[in-house]
């Protein structure tokens, strides 16, 4: 399911303006009705290794959008690699050893799906109201299923589902 470019830019603007490490847009799956899956996201956290497609300097906006795209491509490559070991990544893309802990967290979140009413995103959809979770790394895993993952990545920013 394609996310409109203006939504991607608005997500990026919101994440940068409040200085979060990332933002995730969960959407209802077109393949599995009643399931929320990764719609899109914007990564604004620490970057361990910079790899750019062009040799020109990128501003912060362009760098964040490019990094988000690179992380998505890496996730798709790793997912395809399970089904087809011959799948190759583009030459300028990332490899797993290029990632900081926060980048790993963001990448792994792409694999999560939530039934309506399940997990924080699923409960938020069922309630029809935004949910704010601060200090995700301290949250009980019954409230926030990705809390252990957040702890390992030292995620300490508020999260909205």
N, C-alpha and C. Protein backbone atom coordinates (compact mmCIF):
# COMPACT_ATOMS: atom_id res chain seq x y z
N UNK A 1 0.86 -1.18 0.00
CA UNK A 1 0.00 0.00 0.00
C UNK A 1 0.90 1.23 0.00
N UNK A 2 0.79 2.05 -1.01
CA UNK A 2 1.63 3.23 -1.14
C UNK A 2 1.13 4.35 -0.23
N UNK A 3 2.06 5.00 0.42
CA UNK A 3 1.74 6.13 1.28
C UNK A 3 1.97 7.40 0.47
N UNK A 4 1.00 8.32 0.50
CA UNK A 4 1.16 9.56 -0.27
C UNK A 4 2.42 10.32 0.17
N UNK A 5 3.11 10.90 -0.80
CA UNK A 5 4.36 11.62 -0.52
C UNK A 5 4.15 12.74 0.50
N UNK A 6 3.01 13.44 0.44
CA UNK A 6 2.80 14.53 1.40
C UNK A 6 2.66 14.01 2.83
N UNK A 7 2.11 12.81 3.00
CA UNK A 7 2.03 12.21 4.34
C UNK A 7 3.42 11.88 4.85
N UNK A 8 4.26 11.34 3.98
CA UNK A 8 5.65 11.03 4.35
C UNK A 8 6.38 12.29 4.79
N UNK A 9 6.19 13.38 4.05
CA UNK A 9 6.85 14.64 4.40
C UNK A 9 6.29 15.22 5.69
N UNK A 10 4.99 15.09 5.92
CA UNK A 10 4.39 15.58 7.16
C UNK A 10 4.90 14.78 8.36
N UNK A 11 5.02 13.48 8.20
CA UNK A 11 5.57 12.64 9.26
C UNK A 11 7.00 13.06 9.57
N UNK A 12 7.79 13.29 8.52
CA UNK A 12 9.17 13.73 8.70
C UNK A 12 9.23 15.07 9.44
N UNK A 13 8.39 16.00 9.06
CA UNK A 13 8.36 17.31 9.70
C UNK A 13 7.99 17.19 11.17
N UNK A 14 6.99 16.37 11.48
CA UNK A 14 6.57 16.19 12.88
C UNK A 14 7.69 15.57 13.71
N UNK A 15 8.33 14.54 13.19
CA UNK A 15 9.40 13.85 13.93
C UNK A 15 10.57 14.78 14.18
N UNK A 16 10.98 15.53 13.15
CA UNK A 16 12.10 16.46 13.33
C UNK A 16 11.76 17.60 14.27
N UNK A 17 10.53 18.12 14.18
CA UNK A 17 10.17 19.30 14.98
C UNK A 17 10.14 18.99 16.47
N UNK A 18 9.82 17.76 16.84
CA UNK A 18 9.81 17.41 18.27
C UNK A 18 11.02 16.57 18.65
N UNK A 19 11.94 16.43 17.71
CA UNK A 19 13.23 15.77 17.92
C UNK A 19 13.09 14.34 18.42
N UNK A 20 12.16 13.59 17.81
CA UNK A 20 12.07 12.16 18.09
C UNK A 20 13.08 11.44 17.23
N UNK A 21 13.39 10.22 17.60
CA UNK A 21 14.31 9.40 16.81
C UNK A 21 13.63 8.81 15.58
N UNK A 22 12.33 8.64 15.64
CA UNK A 22 11.61 8.05 14.52
C UNK A 22 10.12 8.27 14.69
N UNK A 23 9.39 8.02 13.64
CA UNK A 23 7.94 8.01 13.67
C UNK A 23 7.46 6.89 12.75
N UNK A 24 6.39 6.20 13.16
CA UNK A 24 5.86 5.10 12.36
C UNK A 24 4.40 5.39 12.05
N UNK A 25 4.02 5.17 10.81
CA UNK A 25 2.64 5.26 10.38
C UNK A 25 2.14 3.84 10.17
N UNK A 26 1.29 3.38 11.08
CA UNK A 26 0.69 2.04 10.97
C UNK A 26 -0.55 2.17 10.11
N UNK A 27 -0.79 1.21 9.24
CA UNK A 27 -1.97 1.25 8.39
C UNK A 27 -2.64 -0.12 8.35
N UNK A 28 -3.91 -0.11 8.00
CA UNK A 28 -4.64 -1.36 7.89
C UNK A 28 -4.14 -2.09 6.65
N UNK A 29 -3.83 -3.35 6.83
CA UNK A 29 -3.25 -4.16 5.77
C UNK A 29 -4.25 -4.40 4.64
N UNK A 30 -3.78 -4.27 3.41
CA UNK A 30 -4.60 -4.59 2.25
C UNK A 30 -4.62 -6.11 2.03
N UNK A 31 -3.59 -6.80 2.52
CA UNK A 31 -3.48 -8.25 2.34
C UNK A 31 -4.19 -9.03 3.44
N UNK A 32 -4.23 -8.47 4.65
CA UNK A 32 -4.83 -9.15 5.80
C UNK A 32 -5.82 -8.22 6.48
N UNK A 33 -7.08 -8.25 6.12
CA UNK A 33 -8.07 -7.36 6.74
C UNK A 33 -8.08 -7.50 8.27
N UNK A 34 -8.22 -6.38 8.95
CA UNK A 34 -8.26 -6.39 10.41
C UNK A 34 -6.89 -6.42 11.06
N UNK A 35 -5.84 -6.22 10.27
CA UNK A 35 -4.48 -6.24 10.79
C UNK A 35 -3.79 -4.91 10.47
N UNK A 36 -3.11 -4.37 11.46
CA UNK A 36 -2.29 -3.18 11.23
C UNK A 36 -0.88 -3.63 10.90
N UNK A 37 -0.30 -2.98 9.90
CA UNK A 37 1.07 -3.28 9.52
C UNK A 37 1.81 -1.97 9.27
N UNK A 38 3.10 -2.08 9.11
CA UNK A 38 3.94 -0.92 8.80
C UNK A 38 3.42 -0.27 7.53
N UNK A 39 3.05 1.00 7.61
CA UNK A 39 2.63 1.74 6.43
C UNK A 39 3.81 2.51 5.88
N UNK A 40 4.48 3.23 6.77
CA UNK A 40 5.67 3.99 6.41
C UNK A 40 6.27 4.51 7.71
N UNK A 41 7.42 5.11 7.59
CA UNK A 41 8.07 5.66 8.77
C UNK A 41 9.10 6.68 8.36
N UNK A 42 9.59 7.38 9.36
CA UNK A 42 10.66 8.35 9.15
C UNK A 42 11.68 8.14 10.25
N UNK A 43 12.93 7.96 9.86
CA UNK A 43 14.02 7.74 10.81
C UNK A 43 14.80 9.03 10.98
N UNK A 44 14.99 9.43 12.25
CA UNK A 44 15.66 10.69 12.57
C UNK A 44 16.70 10.48 13.67
N UNK A 45 17.09 9.24 13.91
CA UNK A 45 17.99 8.93 15.03
C UNK A 45 19.44 8.88 14.61
N UNK A 46 20.22 8.26 15.49
CA UNK A 46 21.65 8.11 15.25
C UNK A 46 21.90 7.29 13.99
N UNK A 47 22.93 7.68 13.27
CA UNK A 47 23.33 6.97 12.06
C UNK A 47 24.77 6.51 12.26
N UNK A 48 24.97 5.21 12.17
CA UNK A 48 26.31 4.64 12.37
C UNK A 48 27.17 4.82 11.12
N UNK A 49 26.64 4.49 9.97
CA UNK A 49 27.38 4.55 8.71
C UNK A 49 26.55 5.29 7.68
N UNK A 50 27.11 6.33 7.09
CA UNK A 50 26.40 7.08 6.06
C UNK A 50 26.76 6.53 4.69
N UNK A 51 25.73 6.22 3.93
CA UNK A 51 25.92 5.80 2.53
C UNK A 51 24.92 6.60 1.72
N UNK A 52 25.44 7.37 0.79
CA UNK A 52 24.54 8.18 -0.03
C UNK A 52 24.58 7.72 -1.47
N UNK A 53 23.46 7.94 -2.14
CA UNK A 53 23.35 7.57 -3.54
C UNK A 53 24.10 8.56 -4.42
N UNK A 54 24.06 9.83 -4.03
CA UNK A 54 24.72 10.87 -4.81
C UNK A 54 25.95 11.36 -4.05
N UNK A 55 26.85 12.00 -4.76
CA UNK A 55 28.04 12.54 -4.13
C UNK A 55 27.81 13.97 -3.62
N UNK A 56 26.61 14.53 -3.86
CA UNK A 56 26.34 15.89 -3.41
C UNK A 56 25.95 15.88 -1.94
N UNK A 57 26.11 17.02 -1.30
CA UNK A 57 25.72 17.16 0.09
C UNK A 57 24.20 17.21 0.20
N UNK A 58 23.66 16.54 1.17
CA UNK A 58 22.23 16.54 1.40
C UNK A 58 21.93 17.35 2.66
N UNK A 59 20.80 18.07 2.64
CA UNK A 59 20.41 18.77 3.86
C UNK A 59 19.77 17.76 4.81
N UNK A 60 19.46 18.18 6.02
CA UNK A 60 18.93 17.27 7.05
C UNK A 60 17.63 16.60 6.59
N UNK A 61 16.77 17.37 5.93
CA UNK A 61 15.51 16.80 5.44
C UNK A 61 15.77 15.67 4.45
N UNK A 62 16.62 15.95 3.47
CA UNK A 62 16.92 14.97 2.44
C UNK A 62 17.63 13.75 3.03
N UNK A 63 18.55 13.99 3.98
CA UNK A 63 19.29 12.90 4.60
C UNK A 63 18.35 11.97 5.36
N UNK A 64 17.41 12.55 6.12
CA UNK A 64 16.46 11.73 6.87
C UNK A 64 15.57 10.93 5.96
N UNK A 65 15.07 11.54 4.89
CA UNK A 65 14.23 10.82 3.94
C UNK A 65 15.02 9.71 3.25
N UNK A 66 16.28 10.01 2.90
CA UNK A 66 17.10 9.00 2.24
C UNK A 66 17.40 7.85 3.20
N UNK A 67 17.71 8.17 4.46
CA UNK A 67 18.02 7.10 5.43
C UNK A 67 16.79 6.23 5.67
N UNK A 68 15.63 6.85 5.78
CA UNK A 68 14.40 6.09 5.97
C UNK A 68 14.19 5.13 4.80
N UNK A 69 14.45 5.61 3.59
CA UNK A 69 14.30 4.78 2.40
C UNK A 69 15.33 3.65 2.39
N UNK A 70 16.57 3.95 2.78
CA UNK A 70 17.61 2.93 2.83
C UNK A 70 17.25 1.83 3.84
N UNK A 71 16.72 2.23 4.99
CA UNK A 71 16.33 1.24 6.00
C UNK A 71 15.18 0.37 5.49
N UNK A 72 14.23 0.99 4.79
CA UNK A 72 13.12 0.22 4.20
C UNK A 72 13.65 -0.76 3.16
N UNK A 73 14.57 -0.31 2.32
CA UNK A 73 15.16 -1.19 1.30
C UNK A 73 15.93 -2.35 1.95
N UNK A 74 16.64 -2.07 3.03
CA UNK A 74 17.37 -3.13 3.72
C UNK A 74 16.39 -4.16 4.29
N UNK A 75 15.30 -3.67 4.89
CA UNK A 75 14.30 -4.59 5.43
C UNK A 75 13.73 -5.48 4.31
N UNK A 76 13.37 -4.86 3.19
CA UNK A 76 12.82 -5.62 2.07
C UNK A 76 13.84 -6.62 1.53
N UNK A 77 15.09 -6.22 1.48
CA UNK A 77 16.14 -7.11 1.01
C UNK A 77 16.32 -8.30 1.95
N UNK A 78 16.34 -8.03 3.25
CA UNK A 78 16.49 -9.11 4.22
C UNK A 78 15.27 -10.03 4.19
N UNK A 79 14.08 -9.46 4.04
CA UNK A 79 12.86 -10.27 3.95
C UNK A 79 12.87 -11.13 2.69
N UNK A 80 13.28 -10.54 1.57
CA UNK A 80 13.35 -11.28 0.31
C UNK A 80 14.45 -12.32 0.37
N UNK A 81 15.51 -12.04 1.11
CA UNK A 81 16.63 -12.97 1.24
C UNK A 81 16.22 -14.28 1.88
N UNK A 82 15.22 -14.23 2.77
CA UNK A 82 14.72 -15.46 3.38
C UNK A 82 14.06 -16.34 2.33
N UNK A 83 13.34 -15.71 1.42
CA UNK A 83 12.63 -16.46 0.38
C UNK A 83 13.56 -16.76 -0.80
N UNK A 84 14.48 -15.85 -1.10
CA UNK A 84 15.37 -16.00 -2.24
C UNK A 84 16.78 -15.53 -1.87
N UNK A 85 17.66 -16.44 -1.49
CA UNK A 85 19.01 -16.06 -1.07
C UNK A 85 19.79 -15.29 -2.14
N UNK A 86 19.37 -15.34 -3.39
CA UNK A 86 20.08 -14.64 -4.46
C UNK A 86 19.68 -13.16 -4.56
N UNK A 87 18.69 -12.73 -3.75
CA UNK A 87 18.24 -11.33 -3.81
C UNK A 87 19.42 -10.42 -3.46
N UNK A 88 19.58 -9.37 -4.24
CA UNK A 88 20.69 -8.44 -4.02
C UNK A 88 20.17 -7.06 -3.67
N UNK A 89 20.97 -6.38 -2.85
CA UNK A 89 20.66 -5.00 -2.50
C UNK A 89 21.33 -4.08 -3.51
N UNK A 90 20.76 -2.88 -3.71
CA UNK A 90 21.45 -1.90 -4.56
C UNK A 90 22.82 -1.57 -3.97
N UNK A 91 23.77 -1.18 -4.79
CA UNK A 91 25.16 -1.00 -4.35
C UNK A 91 25.31 0.05 -3.26
N UNK A 92 24.48 1.08 -3.22
CA UNK A 92 24.63 2.14 -2.22
C UNK A 92 23.79 1.89 -0.98
N UNK A 93 23.16 0.72 -0.89
CA UNK A 93 22.30 0.48 0.24
C UNK A 93 23.08 0.00 1.46
N UNK A 94 22.37 -0.11 2.55
CA UNK A 94 22.97 -0.51 3.81
C UNK A 94 23.07 -2.02 3.95
N UNK A 95 23.94 -2.44 4.83
CA UNK A 95 24.00 -3.83 5.23
C UNK A 95 23.80 -3.85 6.75
N UNK A 96 23.45 -4.99 7.32
CA UNK A 96 23.18 -5.04 8.76
C UNK A 96 24.29 -4.48 9.64
N UNK A 97 25.54 -4.68 9.26
CA UNK A 97 26.64 -4.18 10.10
C UNK A 97 26.78 -2.65 10.05
N UNK A 98 26.05 -1.99 9.17
CA UNK A 98 26.08 -0.53 9.06
C UNK A 98 25.17 0.16 10.09
N UNK A 99 24.37 -0.59 10.83
CA UNK A 99 23.30 0.00 11.63
C UNK A 99 23.66 0.25 13.08
N UNK A 100 23.22 1.40 13.58
CA UNK A 100 23.27 1.70 15.01
C UNK A 100 22.10 0.97 15.69
N UNK A 101 22.11 0.89 17.01
CA UNK A 101 21.06 0.19 17.74
C UNK A 101 19.67 0.74 17.44
N UNK A 102 19.55 2.07 17.38
CA UNK A 102 18.25 2.68 17.12
C UNK A 102 17.78 2.36 15.71
N UNK A 103 18.70 2.29 14.76
CA UNK A 103 18.34 1.91 13.40
C UNK A 103 17.83 0.47 13.36
N UNK A 104 18.45 -0.41 14.13
CA UNK A 104 17.97 -1.81 14.21
C UNK A 104 16.55 -1.86 14.75
N UNK A 105 16.30 -1.07 15.80
CA UNK A 105 14.96 -1.04 16.38
C UNK A 105 13.94 -0.64 15.32
N UNK A 106 14.23 0.43 14.62
CA UNK A 106 13.35 0.93 13.57
C UNK A 106 13.13 -0.15 12.51
N UNK A 107 14.21 -0.80 12.08
CA UNK A 107 14.12 -1.83 11.05
C UNK A 107 13.28 -3.02 11.52
N UNK A 108 13.49 -3.48 12.74
CA UNK A 108 12.75 -4.63 13.27
C UNK A 108 11.26 -4.29 13.42
N UNK A 109 10.95 -3.05 13.76
CA UNK A 109 9.54 -2.64 13.89
C UNK A 109 8.78 -2.84 12.58
N UNK A 110 9.47 -2.81 11.46
CA UNK A 110 8.81 -3.01 10.17
C UNK A 110 8.18 -4.39 10.06
N UNK A 111 8.66 -5.34 10.84
CA UNK A 111 8.15 -6.70 10.76
C UNK A 111 6.93 -6.93 11.65
N UNK A 112 6.60 -5.99 12.51
CA UNK A 112 5.48 -6.17 13.43
C UNK A 112 4.14 -5.98 12.73
N UNK A 113 3.17 -6.78 13.12
CA UNK A 113 1.79 -6.61 12.72
C UNK A 113 0.94 -6.72 13.98
N UNK A 114 -0.19 -6.04 13.97
CA UNK A 114 -1.06 -6.01 15.14
C UNK A 114 -2.49 -6.26 14.71
N UNK A 115 -3.14 -7.21 15.36
CA UNK A 115 -4.58 -7.37 15.17
C UNK A 115 -5.26 -6.19 15.84
N UNK A 116 -6.44 -5.83 15.39
CA UNK A 116 -7.18 -4.75 16.02
C UNK A 116 -7.44 -5.15 17.47
N UNK A 117 -7.07 -4.27 18.39
CA UNK A 117 -7.20 -4.55 19.81
C UNK A 117 -5.96 -5.17 20.43
N UNK A 118 -4.96 -5.53 19.61
CA UNK A 118 -3.75 -6.17 20.10
C UNK A 118 -2.58 -5.19 20.07
N UNK A 119 -1.78 -5.21 21.11
CA UNK A 119 -0.62 -4.32 21.17
C UNK A 119 -1.09 -2.87 21.23
N UNK A 120 -0.17 -1.99 21.46
CA UNK A 120 -0.52 -0.57 21.59
C UNK A 120 -1.16 0.00 20.31
N UNK A 121 -0.61 -0.25 19.12
CA UNK A 121 -1.27 0.27 17.91
C UNK A 121 -2.67 -0.32 17.71
N UNK A 122 -2.82 -1.61 17.92
CA UNK A 122 -4.13 -2.25 17.74
C UNK A 122 -5.17 -1.78 18.74
N UNK A 123 -4.75 -1.57 20.00
CA UNK A 123 -5.68 -1.04 21.01
C UNK A 123 -6.04 0.41 20.71
N UNK A 124 -5.08 1.16 20.21
CA UNK A 124 -5.33 2.55 19.85
C UNK A 124 -6.36 2.64 18.74
N UNK A 125 -6.24 1.79 17.73
CA UNK A 125 -7.22 1.77 16.65
C UNK A 125 -8.59 1.37 17.17
N UNK A 126 -8.64 0.37 18.03
CA UNK A 126 -9.91 -0.09 18.57
C UNK A 126 -10.59 1.00 19.41
N UNK A 127 -9.79 1.78 20.15
CA UNK A 127 -10.34 2.86 20.99
C UNK A 127 -10.68 4.11 20.20
N UNK A 128 -10.05 4.28 19.05
CA UNK A 128 -10.31 5.44 18.22
C UNK A 128 -9.71 6.73 18.76
N UNK A 129 -8.74 6.61 19.69
CA UNK A 129 -8.10 7.80 20.27
C UNK A 129 -6.59 7.62 20.24
N UNK A 130 -5.86 8.71 20.02
CA UNK A 130 -4.39 8.60 20.06
C UNK A 130 -3.92 8.16 21.44
N UNK A 131 -2.82 7.44 21.47
CA UNK A 131 -2.21 7.01 22.72
C UNK A 131 -0.78 7.50 22.74
N UNK A 132 -0.39 8.11 23.85
CA UNK A 132 0.97 8.58 24.02
C UNK A 132 1.65 7.72 25.06
N UNK A 133 2.84 7.24 24.75
CA UNK A 133 3.61 6.42 25.68
C UNK A 133 4.98 7.06 25.81
N UNK A 134 5.28 7.53 27.01
CA UNK A 134 6.60 8.10 27.28
C UNK A 134 7.48 7.04 27.93
N UNK A 135 8.77 7.15 27.73
CA UNK A 135 9.74 6.23 28.32
C UNK A 135 9.41 4.78 27.96
N UNK A 136 9.33 4.53 26.67
CA UNK A 136 8.96 3.20 26.17
C UNK A 136 9.88 2.10 26.70
N UNK A 137 11.12 2.44 26.96
CA UNK A 137 12.05 1.42 27.44
C UNK A 137 11.73 0.97 28.86
N UNK A 138 10.87 1.70 29.58
CA UNK A 138 10.43 1.30 30.92
C UNK A 138 9.04 0.67 30.92
N UNK A 139 8.37 0.69 29.80
CA UNK A 139 6.98 0.21 29.73
C UNK A 139 6.90 -1.29 29.93
N UNK A 140 5.82 -1.71 30.55
CA UNK A 140 5.54 -3.13 30.72
C UNK A 140 5.28 -3.73 29.34
N UNK A 141 5.81 -4.91 29.08
CA UNK A 141 5.63 -5.53 27.77
C UNK A 141 4.17 -5.87 27.48
N UNK A 142 3.32 -5.92 28.51
CA UNK A 142 1.89 -6.14 28.28
C UNK A 142 1.25 -4.89 27.67
N UNK A 143 1.80 -3.74 27.98
CA UNK A 143 1.31 -2.47 27.44
C UNK A 143 1.96 -2.19 26.09
N UNK A 144 3.26 -2.39 26.03
CA UNK A 144 4.04 -2.06 24.83
C UNK A 144 4.90 -3.26 24.48
N UNK A 145 4.45 -4.07 23.52
CA UNK A 145 5.11 -5.33 23.20
C UNK A 145 6.54 -5.16 22.70
N UNK A 146 6.88 -3.97 22.24
CA UNK A 146 8.24 -3.73 21.75
C UNK A 146 9.15 -3.13 22.82
N UNK A 147 8.74 -3.18 24.11
CA UNK A 147 9.52 -2.54 25.17
C UNK A 147 10.91 -3.16 25.34
N UNK A 148 11.02 -4.48 25.27
CA UNK A 148 12.33 -5.12 25.40
C UNK A 148 13.24 -4.71 24.25
N UNK A 149 12.68 -4.64 23.07
CA UNK A 149 13.44 -4.18 21.92
C UNK A 149 13.86 -2.72 22.11
N UNK A 150 12.96 -1.89 22.65
CA UNK A 150 13.29 -0.48 22.92
C UNK A 150 14.40 -0.37 23.96
N UNK A 151 14.36 -1.22 24.98
CA UNK A 151 15.41 -1.21 26.00
C UNK A 151 16.76 -1.54 25.39
N UNK A 152 16.80 -2.54 24.53
CA UNK A 152 18.07 -2.94 23.93
C UNK A 152 18.63 -1.85 23.01
N UNK A 153 17.76 -1.03 22.45
CA UNK A 153 18.20 0.05 21.57
C UNK A 153 18.31 1.37 22.30
N UNK A 154 18.04 1.37 23.61
CA UNK A 154 18.08 2.58 24.44
C UNK A 154 17.14 3.66 23.92
N UNK A 155 15.96 3.25 23.47
CA UNK A 155 14.95 4.20 23.01
C UNK A 155 14.38 4.89 24.24
N UNK A 156 14.48 6.21 24.29
CA UNK A 156 14.01 6.94 25.45
C UNK A 156 13.10 8.10 25.07
N UNK A 157 12.54 8.04 23.89
CA UNK A 157 11.68 9.13 23.43
C UNK A 157 10.22 8.71 23.57
N UNK A 158 9.32 9.68 23.64
CA UNK A 158 7.90 9.34 23.68
C UNK A 158 7.48 8.65 22.38
N UNK A 159 6.49 7.81 22.47
CA UNK A 159 5.99 7.10 21.30
C UNK A 159 4.48 7.34 21.24
N UNK A 160 3.98 7.65 20.08
CA UNK A 160 2.54 7.78 19.88
C UNK A 160 2.09 6.69 18.96
N UNK A 161 1.05 6.00 19.35
CA UNK A 161 0.49 4.96 18.47
C UNK A 161 -0.72 5.49 17.78
